[in-house]
Amino acid sequence: MNSVSQECQELKFSYDACFNKWFREHFLRGNSDASVCSEIFADYQKCVKVGTG
């Protein structure tokens, strides 16, 4: 799925890849600590807020 802001597209793809890897390799094995992707998510969230605001 594409980002709501074209300028944030690469950050969205990076976050999606991180999340999917975390989900497969950690969450499904019982580790629910999602902090591994939190920095990428924060960067993406900042970009979206600027791009849509």
PDB file of N, CA and C in Angstrom:
ATOM      1  N   MET A   1       0.847  -1.169   0.000  1.00  0.00           N
ATOM      2  CA  MET A   1       0.000   0.000   0.000  1.00  0.00           C
ATOM      3  C   MET A   1       0.900   1.242   0.000  1.00  0.00           C
ATOM      4  N   ASN A   2       0.507   2.237  -0.738  1.00  0.00           N
ATOM      5  CA  ASN A   2       1.280   3.468  -0.829  1.00  0.00           C
ATOM      6  C   ASN A   2       1.035   4.368   0.371  1.00  0.00           C
ATOM      7  N   SER A   3       1.974   5.274   0.569  1.00  0.00           N
ATOM      8  CA  SER A   3       1.852   6.258   1.634  1.00  0.00           C
ATOM      9  C   SER A   3       0.814   7.313   1.254  1.00  0.00           C
ATOM     10  N   VAL A   4       0.256   7.990   2.250  1.00  0.00           N
ATOM     11  CA  VAL A   4      -0.689   9.072   1.983  1.00  0.00           C
ATOM     12  C   VAL A   4       0.027  10.288   1.405  1.00  0.00           C
ATOM     13  N   SER A   5       1.341  10.345   1.567  1.00  0.00           N
ATOM     14  CA  SER A   5       2.140  11.447   1.051  1.00  0.00           C
ATOM     15  C   SER A   5       3.259  10.886   0.182  1.00  0.00           C
ATOM     16  N   GLN A   6       3.341  11.295  -1.047  1.00  0.00           N
ATOM     17  CA  GLN A   6       4.340  10.778  -1.984  1.00  0.00           C
ATOM     18  C   GLN A   6       5.762  10.966  -1.464  1.00  0.00           C
ATOM     19  N   GLU A   7       6.008  12.076  -0.751  1.00  0.00           N
ATOM     20  CA  GLU A   7       7.342  12.353  -0.227  1.00  0.00           C
ATOM     21  C   GLU A   7       7.780  11.319   0.807  1.00  0.00           C
ATOM     22  N   CYS A   8       6.839  10.619   1.380  1.00  0.00           N
ATOM     23  CA  CYS A   8       7.128   9.668   2.458  1.00  0.00           C
ATOM     24  C   CYS A   8       7.144   8.223   1.986  1.00  0.00           C
ATOM     25  N   GLN A   9       7.047   8.010   0.707  1.00  0.00           N
ATOM     26  CA  GLN A   9       6.912   6.667   0.158  1.00  0.00           C
ATOM     27  C   GLN A   9       8.043   5.723   0.588  1.00  0.00           C
ATOM     28  N   GLU A  10       9.286   6.164   0.506  1.00  0.00           N
ATOM     29  CA  GLU A  10      10.419   5.302   0.864  1.00  0.00           C
ATOM     30  C   GLU A  10      10.395   4.951   2.349  1.00  0.00           C
ATOM     31  N   LEU A  11      10.053   5.922   3.193  1.00  0.00           N
ATOM     32  CA  LEU A  11       9.951   5.637   4.629  1.00  0.00           C
ATOM     33  C   LEU A  11       8.848   4.625   4.909  1.00  0.00           C
ATOM     34  N   LYS A  12       7.756   4.738   4.187  1.00  0.00           N
ATOM     35  CA  LYS A  12       6.647   3.782   4.351  1.00  0.00           C
ATOM     36  C   LYS A  12       7.092   2.375   3.983  1.00  0.00           C
ATOM     37  N   PHE A  13       7.791   2.249   2.858  1.00  0.00           N
ATOM     38  CA  PHE A  13       8.278   0.934   2.438  1.00  0.00           C
ATOM     39  C   PHE A  13       9.281   0.374   3.441  1.00  0.00           C
ATOM     40  N   SER A  14      10.151   1.234   3.978  1.00  0.00           N
ATOM     41  CA  SER A  14      11.127   0.791   4.977  1.00  0.00           C
ATOM     42  C   SER A  14      10.430   0.306   6.240  1.00  0.00           C
ATOM     43  N   TYR A  15       9.434   1.059   6.686  1.00  0.00           N
ATOM     44  CA  TYR A  15       8.695   0.645   7.886  1.00  0.00           C
ATOM     45  C   TYR A  15       7.937  -0.657   7.631  1.00  0.00           C
ATOM     46  N   ASP A  16       7.274  -0.769   6.507  1.00  0.00           N
ATOM     47  CA  ASP A  16       6.532  -1.993   6.191  1.00  0.00           C
ATOM     48  C   ASP A  16       7.456  -3.209   6.185  1.00  0.00           C
ATOM     49  N   ALA A  17       8.643  -3.058   5.597  1.00  0.00           N
ATOM     50  CA  ALA A  17       9.603  -4.163   5.552  1.00  0.00           C
ATOM     51  C   ALA A  17      10.062  -4.535   6.954  1.00  0.00           C
ATOM     52  N   CYS A  18      10.346  -3.536   7.769  1.00  0.00           N
ATOM     53  CA  CYS A  18      10.768  -3.777   9.147  1.00  0.00           C
ATOM     54  C   CYS A  18       9.661  -4.474   9.923  1.00  0.00           C
ATOM     55  N   PHE A  19       8.452  -3.969   9.812  1.00  0.00           N
ATOM     56  CA  PHE A  19       7.324  -4.554  10.532  1.00  0.00           C
ATOM     57  C   PHE A  19       7.096  -6.001  10.117  1.00  0.00           C
ATOM     58  N   ASN A  20       7.104  -6.262   8.828  1.00  0.00           N
ATOM     59  CA  ASN A  20       6.863  -7.624   8.344  1.00  0.00           C
ATOM     60  C   ASN A  20       7.945  -8.582   8.833  1.00  0.00           C
ATOM     61  N   LYS A  21       9.204  -8.137   8.832  1.00  0.00           N
ATOM     62  CA  LYS A  21      10.300  -8.972   9.333  1.00  0.00           C
ATOM     63  C   LYS A  21      10.127  -9.221  10.830  1.00  0.00           C
ATOM     64  N   TRP A  22       9.828  -8.161  11.593  1.00  0.00           N
ATOM     65  CA  TRP A  22       9.615  -8.308  13.029  1.00  0.00           C
ATOM     66  C   TRP A  22       8.462  -9.273  13.301  1.00  0.00           C
ATOM     67  N   PHE A  23       7.386  -9.124  12.567  1.00  0.00           N
ATOM     68  CA  PHE A  23       6.219  -9.976  12.770  1.00  0.00           C
ATOM     69  C   PHE A  23       6.569 -11.443  12.565  1.00  0.00           C
ATOM     70  N   ARG A  24       7.248 -11.742  11.463  1.00  0.00           N
ATOM     71  CA  ARG A  24       7.621 -13.131  11.148  1.00  0.00           C
ATOM     72  C   ARG A  24       8.653 -13.693  12.119  1.00  0.00           C
ATOM     73  N   GLU A  25       9.694 -12.911  12.379  1.00  0.00           N
ATOM     74  CA  GLU A  25      10.845 -13.439  13.111  1.00  0.00           C
ATOM     75  C   GLU A  25      10.760 -13.274  14.628  1.00  0.00           C
ATOM     76  N   HIS A  26       9.875 -12.405  15.100  1.00  0.00           N
ATOM     77  CA  HIS A  26       9.808 -12.166  16.540  1.00  0.00           C
ATOM     78  C   HIS A  26       8.409 -12.409  17.100  1.00  0.00           C
ATOM     79  N   PHE A  27       7.431 -11.691  16.595  1.00  0.00           N
ATOM     80  CA  PHE A  27       6.078 -11.767  17.151  1.00  0.00           C
ATOM     81  C   PHE A  27       5.508 -13.181  17.094  1.00  0.00           C
ATOM     82  N   LEU A  28       5.633 -13.823  15.955  1.00  0.00           N
ATOM     83  CA  LEU A  28       5.088 -15.174  15.816  1.00  0.00           C
ATOM     84  C   LEU A  28       5.817 -16.193  16.686  1.00  0.00           C
ATOM     85  N   ARG A  29       6.971 -15.801  17.216  1.00  0.00           N
ATOM     86  CA  ARG A  29       7.741 -16.680  18.111  1.00  0.00           C
ATOM     87  C   ARG A  29       7.599 -16.265  19.570  1.00  0.00           C
ATOM     88  N   GLY A  30       6.647 -15.359  19.842  1.00  0.00           N
ATOM     89  CA  GLY A  30       6.337 -15.000  21.212  1.00  0.00           C
ATOM     90  C   GLY A  30       6.961 -13.725  21.737  1.00  0.00           C
ATOM     91  N   ASN A  31       7.751 -13.026  20.927  1.00  0.00           N
ATOM     92  CA  ASN A  31       8.371 -11.778  21.358  1.00  0.00           C
ATOM     93  C   ASN A  31       7.548 -10.614  20.833  1.00  0.00           C
ATOM     94  N   SER A  32       6.852  -9.932  21.714  1.00  0.00           N
ATOM     95  CA  SER A  32       5.958  -8.854  21.280  1.00  0.00           C
ATOM     96  C   SER A  32       6.590  -7.466  21.374  1.00  0.00           C
ATOM     97  N   ASP A  33       7.889  -7.388  21.632  1.00  0.00           N
ATOM     98  CA  ASP A  33       8.581  -6.097  21.713  1.00  0.00           C
ATOM     99  C   ASP A  33       8.805  -5.557  20.300  1.00  0.00           C
ATOM    100  N   ALA A  34       8.019  -4.561  19.915  1.00  0.00           N
ATOM    101  CA  ALA A  34       8.078  -4.003  18.562  1.00  0.00           C
ATOM    102  C   ALA A  34       8.989  -2.787  18.477  1.00  0.00           C
ATOM    103  N   SER A  35       9.789  -2.547  19.492  1.00  0.00           N
ATOM    104  CA  SER A  35      10.625  -1.344  19.504  1.00  0.00           C
ATOM    105  C   SER A  35      11.685  -1.344  18.404  1.00  0.00           C
ATOM    106  N   VAL A  36      11.945  -2.484  17.819  1.00  0.00           N
ATOM    107  CA  VAL A  36      12.957  -2.566  16.764  1.00  0.00           C
ATOM    108  C   VAL A  36      12.600  -1.660  15.578  1.00  0.00           C
ATOM    109  N   CYS A  37      11.339  -1.419  15.332  1.00  0.00           N
ATOM    110  CA  CYS A  37      10.895  -0.590  14.207  1.00  0.00           C
ATOM    111  C   CYS A  37      10.444   0.803  14.635  1.00  0.00           C
ATOM    112  N   SER A  38      10.557   1.107  15.909  1.00  0.00           N
ATOM    113  CA  SER A  38       9.991   2.358  16.415  1.00  0.00           C
ATOM    114  C   SER A  38      10.667   3.604  15.838  1.00  0.00           C
ATOM    115  N   GLU A  39      11.959   3.559  15.587  1.00  0.00           N
ATOM    116  CA  GLU A  39      12.651   4.720  15.025  1.00  0.00           C
ATOM    117  C   GLU A  39      12.203   4.986  13.591  1.00  0.00           C
ATOM    118  N   ILE A  40      12.087   3.936  12.803  1.00  0.00           N
ATOM    119  CA  ILE A  40      11.624   4.082  11.427  1.00  0.00           C
ATOM    120  C   ILE A  40      10.186   4.596  11.407  1.00  0.00           C
ATOM    121  N   PHE A  41       9.346   4.063  12.310  1.00  0.00           N
ATOM    122  CA  PHE A  41       7.963   4.518  12.374  1.00  0.00           C
ATOM    123  C   PHE A  41       7.882   5.992  12.756  1.00  0.00           C
ATOM    124  N   ALA A  42       8.697   6.415  13.709  1.00  0.00           N
ATOM    125  CA  ALA A  42       8.694   7.817  14.138  1.00  0.00           C
ATOM    126  C   ALA A  42       9.084   8.736  12.981  1.00  0.00           C
ATOM    127  N   ASP A  43      10.090   8.332  12.202  1.00  0.00           N
ATOM    128  CA  ASP A  43      10.499   9.128  11.041  1.00  0.00           C
ATOM    129  C   ASP A  43       9.376   9.208  10.009  1.00  0.00           C
ATOM    130  N   TYR A  44       8.729   8.083   9.762  1.00  0.00           N
ATOM    131  CA  TYR A  44       7.622   8.049   8.805  1.00  0.00           C
ATOM    132  C   TYR A  44       6.469   8.916   9.296  1.00  0.00           C
ATOM    133  N   GLN A  45       6.146   8.821  10.579  1.00  0.00           N
ATOM    134  CA  GLN A  45       5.051   9.589  11.146  1.00  0.00           C
ATOM    135  C   GLN A  45       5.323  11.092  11.035  1.00  0.00           C
ATOM    136  N   LYS A  46       6.546  11.503  11.305  1.00  0.00           N
ATOM    137  CA  LYS A  46       6.915  12.929  11.165  1.00  0.00           C
ATOM    138  C   LYS A  46       6.740  13.389   9.723  1.00  0.00           C
ATOM    139  N   CYS A  47       7.175  12.571   8.790  1.00  0.00           N
ATOM    140  CA  CYS A  47       7.071  12.908   7.374  1.00  0.00           C
ATOM    141  C   CYS A  47       5.609  13.076   6.969  1.00  0.00           C
ATOM    142  N   VAL A  48       4.765  12.162   7.391  1.00  0.00           N
ATOM    143  CA  VAL A  48       3.341  12.235   7.034  1.00  0.00           C
ATOM    144  C   VAL A  48       2.707  13.483   7.624  1.00  0.00           C
ATOM    145  N   LYS A  49       3.029  13.809   8.854  1.00  0.00           N
ATOM    146  CA  LYS A  49       2.462  14.996   9.492  1.00  0.00           C
ATOM    147  C   LYS A  49       2.858  16.262   8.754  1.00  0.00           C
ATOM    148  N   VAL A  50       4.082  16.337   8.272  1.00  0.00           N
ATOM    149  CA  VAL A  50       4.543  17.498   7.512  1.00  0.00           C
ATOM    150  C   VAL A  50       3.903  17.498   6.122  1.00  0.00           C
ATOM    151  N   GLY A  51       3.841  16.329   5.492  1.00  0.00           N
ATOM    152  CA  GLY A  51       3.345  16.208   4.128  1.00  0.00           C
ATOM    153  C   GLY A  51       1.853  16.428   3.978  1.00  0.00           C
ATOM    154  N   THR A  52       1.105  16.191   5.036  1.00  0.00           N
ATOM    155  CA  THR A  52      -0.352  16.332   4.945  1.00  0.00           C
ATOM    156  C   THR A  52      -0.861  17.536   5.722  1.00  0.00           C
ATOM    157  N   GLY A  53       0.033  18.202   6.412  1.00  0.00           N
ATOM    158  CA  GLY A  53      -0.404  19.297   7.284  1.00  0.00           C
ATOM    159  C   GLY A  53      -0.346  20.619   6.690  1.00  0.00           C
TER     160      GLY A  53
END
